[in-house]
Protein backbone atom coordinates (compact mmCIF):
# COMPACT_ATOMS: atom_id res chain seq x y z
CA TRP A 1 0.00 0.00 0.00
CA HIS A 2 0.99 3.59 -0.46
CA ILE A 3 -0.66 6.82 0.57
CA THR A 4 0.39 10.37 -0.09
CA LEU A 5 -0.18 12.50 2.97
CA PRO A 6 -2.16 15.67 2.35
CA GLN A 7 -0.41 19.00 2.86
CA GLU A 8 -2.60 19.65 5.90
CA ILE A 9 -0.75 16.80 7.62
CA VAL A 10 2.70 17.36 6.08
CA GLN A 11 2.64 21.00 7.24
CA ARG A 12 2.24 19.76 10.83
CA THR A 13 5.41 17.62 10.88
CA LEU A 14 8.86 18.57 12.15
CA ILE A 15 9.84 19.47 8.60
CA HIS A 16 7.63 22.56 8.97
CA LEU A 17 7.20 23.02 12.75
CA ALA A 18 10.03 23.57 15.20
CA ASP A 19 8.17 22.05 18.16
CA ASP A 20 4.73 21.23 19.53
CA SER A 21 4.26 24.46 21.46
CA ALA A 22 1.03 25.16 19.58
CA GLY A 23 -0.23 21.58 20.02
CA ASP A 24 -0.31 20.99 16.27
CA LEU A 25 2.69 18.71 15.70
CA ILE A 26 2.17 15.33 14.08
CA SER A 27 5.26 13.41 15.14
CA ILE A 28 7.15 10.77 13.20
CA ASN A 29 6.20 8.39 16.03
CA ALA A 30 2.51 8.92 15.27
CA LEU A 31 3.09 8.45 11.53
CA GLU A 32 5.07 5.25 12.16
CA PHE A 33 2.21 4.02 14.36
CA VAL A 34 -0.20 4.78 11.51
CA THR A 35 1.81 2.50 9.22
CA VAL A 36 1.44 -0.35 11.70
CA ILE A 37 -2.32 0.30 11.96
CA ILE A 38 -2.67 0.29 8.17
CA ASN A 39 -0.62 -2.92 7.91
CA TYR A 40 -2.95 -4.50 10.46
CA CYS A 41 -5.99 -3.36 8.44
CA ALA A 42 -4.48 -4.72 5.22
CA THR A 43 -3.84 -8.10 6.78
CA LEU A 44 -7.29 -8.25 8.37
CA SER A 45 -9.06 -7.37 5.12
CA ILE A 46 -7.08 -10.00 3.20
CA ILE A 47 -7.47 -12.91 5.63
CA SER A 48 -11.14 -12.31 6.47
CA GLY A 49 -13.34 -14.69 4.60
CA SER A 50 -10.38 -16.73 3.40
CA ASP A 51 -9.20 -20.12 4.58
CA LEU A 52 -5.62 -18.95 5.11
CA PHE A 53 -5.74 -19.54 8.86
CA GLU A 54 -8.38 -22.23 9.26
CA ASP A 55 -5.90 -24.30 11.32
CA ASP A 56 -5.17 -21.37 13.65
CA PRO A 57 -8.16 -20.15 15.67
CA PHE A 58 -6.20 -17.12 16.95
CA PRO A 59 -3.95 -15.73 14.19
CA VAL A 60 -1.64 -12.84 15.09
CA ILE A 61 0.18 -10.49 12.74
CA LEU A 62 3.75 -9.69 13.74
CA CYS A 63 4.58 -6.14 12.67
CA LYS A 64 8.23 -5.19 12.51
CA THR A 65 9.09 -1.56 13.16
CA ASP A 66 12.26 0.42 13.63
CA ASN A 67 10.40 3.06 15.64
CA THR A 68 10.61 2.31 19.36
CA SER A 69 7.58 4.47 20.21
CA ALA A 70 5.35 2.65 17.71
CA LEU A 71 6.68 -0.64 19.08
CA SER A 72 5.83 0.35 22.64
CA TRP A 73 2.42 1.71 21.67
CA ILE A 74 1.52 -1.61 20.01
CA ASN A 75 2.79 -3.95 22.72
CA HIS A 76 1.95 -1.84 25.77
CA ARG A 77 0.32 1.56 25.45
CA CYS A 78 1.09 5.19 24.83
CA LYS A 79 1.45 7.29 27.96
CA GLY A 80 2.62 10.74 26.94
CA SER A 81 1.27 11.63 23.50
CA LEU A 82 -2.36 12.69 23.10
CA LEU A 83 -2.15 11.77 19.43
CA GLY A 84 -0.53 8.41 20.22
CA ARG A 85 -3.31 7.62 22.68
CA ALA A 86 -6.00 8.61 20.16
CA LEU A 87 -4.40 6.35 17.55
CA GLY A 88 -4.15 3.59 20.16
CA ARG A 89 -7.89 3.81 20.82
CA LEU A 90 -8.46 3.66 17.05
CA LEU A 91 -6.44 0.44 16.89
CA VAL A 92 -8.19 -1.05 19.92
CA GLY A 93 -11.56 -0.31 18.30
CA LEU A 94 -10.44 -2.14 15.17
CA LEU A 95 -9.18 -5.07 17.27
CA MET A 96 -12.51 -5.54 19.06
CA ASP A 97 -14.29 -8.66 17.84
CA SER A 98 -11.54 -9.11 15.23
CA PRO A 99 -10.31 -12.60 14.37
CA LEU A 100 -6.77 -11.19 14.05
CA GLY A 101 -4.46 -10.15 16.88
CA ILE A 102 -1.37 -7.96 16.66
CA ASN A 103 2.11 -8.01 18.12
CA ALA A 104 5.19 -6.00 17.24
CA THR A 105 8.91 -6.47 17.32
CA TRP A 106 11.80 -4.11 16.69
CA ILE A 107 13.86 -4.29 13.52
CA ASN A 108 17.22 -2.61 13.14
CA THR A 109 17.05 0.41 10.83
CA HIS A 110 19.82 -1.07 8.69
CA ASP A 111 17.79 -4.26 8.23
CA ASN A 112 14.68 -2.25 7.33
CA GLU A 113 15.92 -1.29 3.87
CA VAL A 114 12.77 -2.18 1.93
CA ALA A 115 10.37 -0.32 4.24
CA ASP A 116 12.63 2.73 4.27
CA GLY A 117 12.87 2.57 0.47
CA LEU A 118 9.08 2.42 0.21
CA SER A 119 8.64 5.37 2.57
CA ARG A 120 11.06 7.49 0.55
CA PHE A 121 9.57 6.57 -2.83
CA LYS A 122 9.17 9.69 -4.99
CA SER A 123 6.41 10.68 -7.35
CA ASN A 124 6.94 10.65 -11.11
CA SER A 125 5.41 14.13 -11.17
CA ASP A 126 7.75 17.13 -11.28
CA ASN A 127 4.99 19.30 -9.84
CA VAL A 128 5.21 19.12 -6.03
CA SER A 129 1.81 20.77 -5.67
CA ASN A 130 0.17 17.98 -7.68
CA ASP A 131 -2.78 16.67 -5.65
CA HIS A 132 -2.64 13.33 -7.46
CA PRO A 133 0.99 12.26 -7.82
CA THR A 134 1.79 9.12 -9.78
CA PHE A 135 4.26 6.42 -8.84
CA ASP A 136 5.97 3.77 -10.93
CA TYR A 137 5.77 0.79 -8.59
CA SER A 138 7.63 -1.40 -11.08
CA LEU A 139 10.80 0.51 -10.11
CA LEU A 140 10.36 -0.67 -6.52
CA GLN A 141 9.67 -4.21 -7.66
CA GLN A 142 12.89 -4.15 -9.66
CA LYS A 143 14.97 -2.67 -6.85
CA TYR A 144 13.63 -5.08 -4.22
CA GLU A 145 12.78 -7.98 -6.54
CA LYS A 146 13.74 -10.71 -4.10
CA THR A 147 11.67 -9.29 -1.25
CA LEU A 148 8.66 -8.00 -3.18
CA SER A 149 8.28 -10.74 -5.81
CA GLY A 150 5.27 -12.35 -4.12
CA CYS A 151 3.61 -9.10 -3.03
CA ARG A 152 0.42 -7.56 -4.33
CA LEU A 153 -0.76 -3.97 -3.99
CA TRP A 154 -3.35 -3.31 -1.29
CA LEU A 155 -5.47 -0.17 -1.52
CA PRO A 156 -6.75 1.30 1.76
CA SER A 157 -10.36 2.46 1.55
CA SER A 158 -11.17 6.15 1.49
CA ARG A 159 -13.23 5.58 4.65
CA LEU A 160 -10.20 4.18 6.53
CA ILE A 161 -7.88 6.93 5.27
CA SER A 162 -10.41 9.61 6.19
CA LEU A 163 -10.73 8.16 9.68
CA ILE A 164 -6.94 8.10 10.18
CA TYR A 165 -6.52 11.65 8.83
CA THR A 166 -9.25 12.87 11.18
CA VAL A 167 -7.49 11.32 14.18
CA LEU A 168 -4.15 12.80 13.05
CA THR A 169 -5.54 16.32 12.63
CA THR A 170 -7.90 16.45 15.64
CA ARG A 171 -6.06 14.20 18.14
CA GLN A 172 -9.49 12.79 18.93
CA SER A 173 -10.45 9.13 18.89
CA PRO A 174 -13.33 8.17 16.65
CA PRO A 175 -16.50 7.06 18.41
CA LEU A 176 -16.39 3.38 19.37
CA LYS A 177 -19.71 2.82 17.61
CA GLU A 178 -18.17 4.01 14.33
CA LEU A 179 -15.19 1.66 14.74
CA ARG A 180 -17.42 -1.29 15.62
CA ASN A 181 -19.33 -0.73 12.36
CA PHE A 182 -16.19 -1.35 10.28
CA LYS A 183 -16.19 -4.70 8.53
CA PRO A 184 -12.89 -6.09 7.22
CA SER A 185 -14.12 -5.44 3.67
CA ASP A 186 -14.55 -1.75 4.59
CA LEU A 187 -10.81 -1.37 5.26
CA GLY A 188 -9.47 -1.80 1.73
CA LYS A 189 -8.83 -4.33 -1.01
CA LEU A 190 -6.16 -6.00 -3.08
CA THR A 191 -5.67 -4.48 -6.51
CA THR A 192 -4.08 -5.77 -9.68
C-alpha cells in the first residue's frame, strides 16, 4: 500500500514546525504508528473470509518496526502523547471482535531497507503541488525484486484513510460505535 499524505498533515510535521508548542505537531512516532495500523488493516481485510488460517483459531500479525515508540504503543500503550493515545484507541476499536491479533517487534534500521525505500519513494510528477501524484511501482519491484516478488498492492479504503486523517488532525479518537461498524471489507482491497 501507499498513501500520499495531504499537505494539511505534512505541514504539521517537524519538517515545517520547530516544536509542539502550539499543540499541532504530528510526530514521526505517530506516523510510524499509523503505518502499523494500516498494515494490520491490510492483513485483516485479506485474511477475512479466506481459509488462510483455518488451522489457527487465533492468528496474530507480527509487525516489525524500527520506531521504538510505535513498538511500545503496540505492545503496551502510549502514555505521553495525546495523538498516540487517540491512535491507540483507534487500533483497539479495530481489534474488538476481530479474528486477528497484533504483536510488534523491533527491527534494526539497517535491516529495514525495503520499508525505508518504500517510505522514501518519490512521485513521477515534477509538480510538487500535484494533488494526485503518480508512482511507478515497477521501479520498486525491480529494486527489491527478491523481497517483493510475491507481493500484491493493497489499496486502503477512502473511509479508513479519512478516519486516520481525522485522528491525526484532531487528536481525537473516533466514536467506538463508528469503529465497531467497520467490517474487514470496509478497510481496503487487493488491486491488480
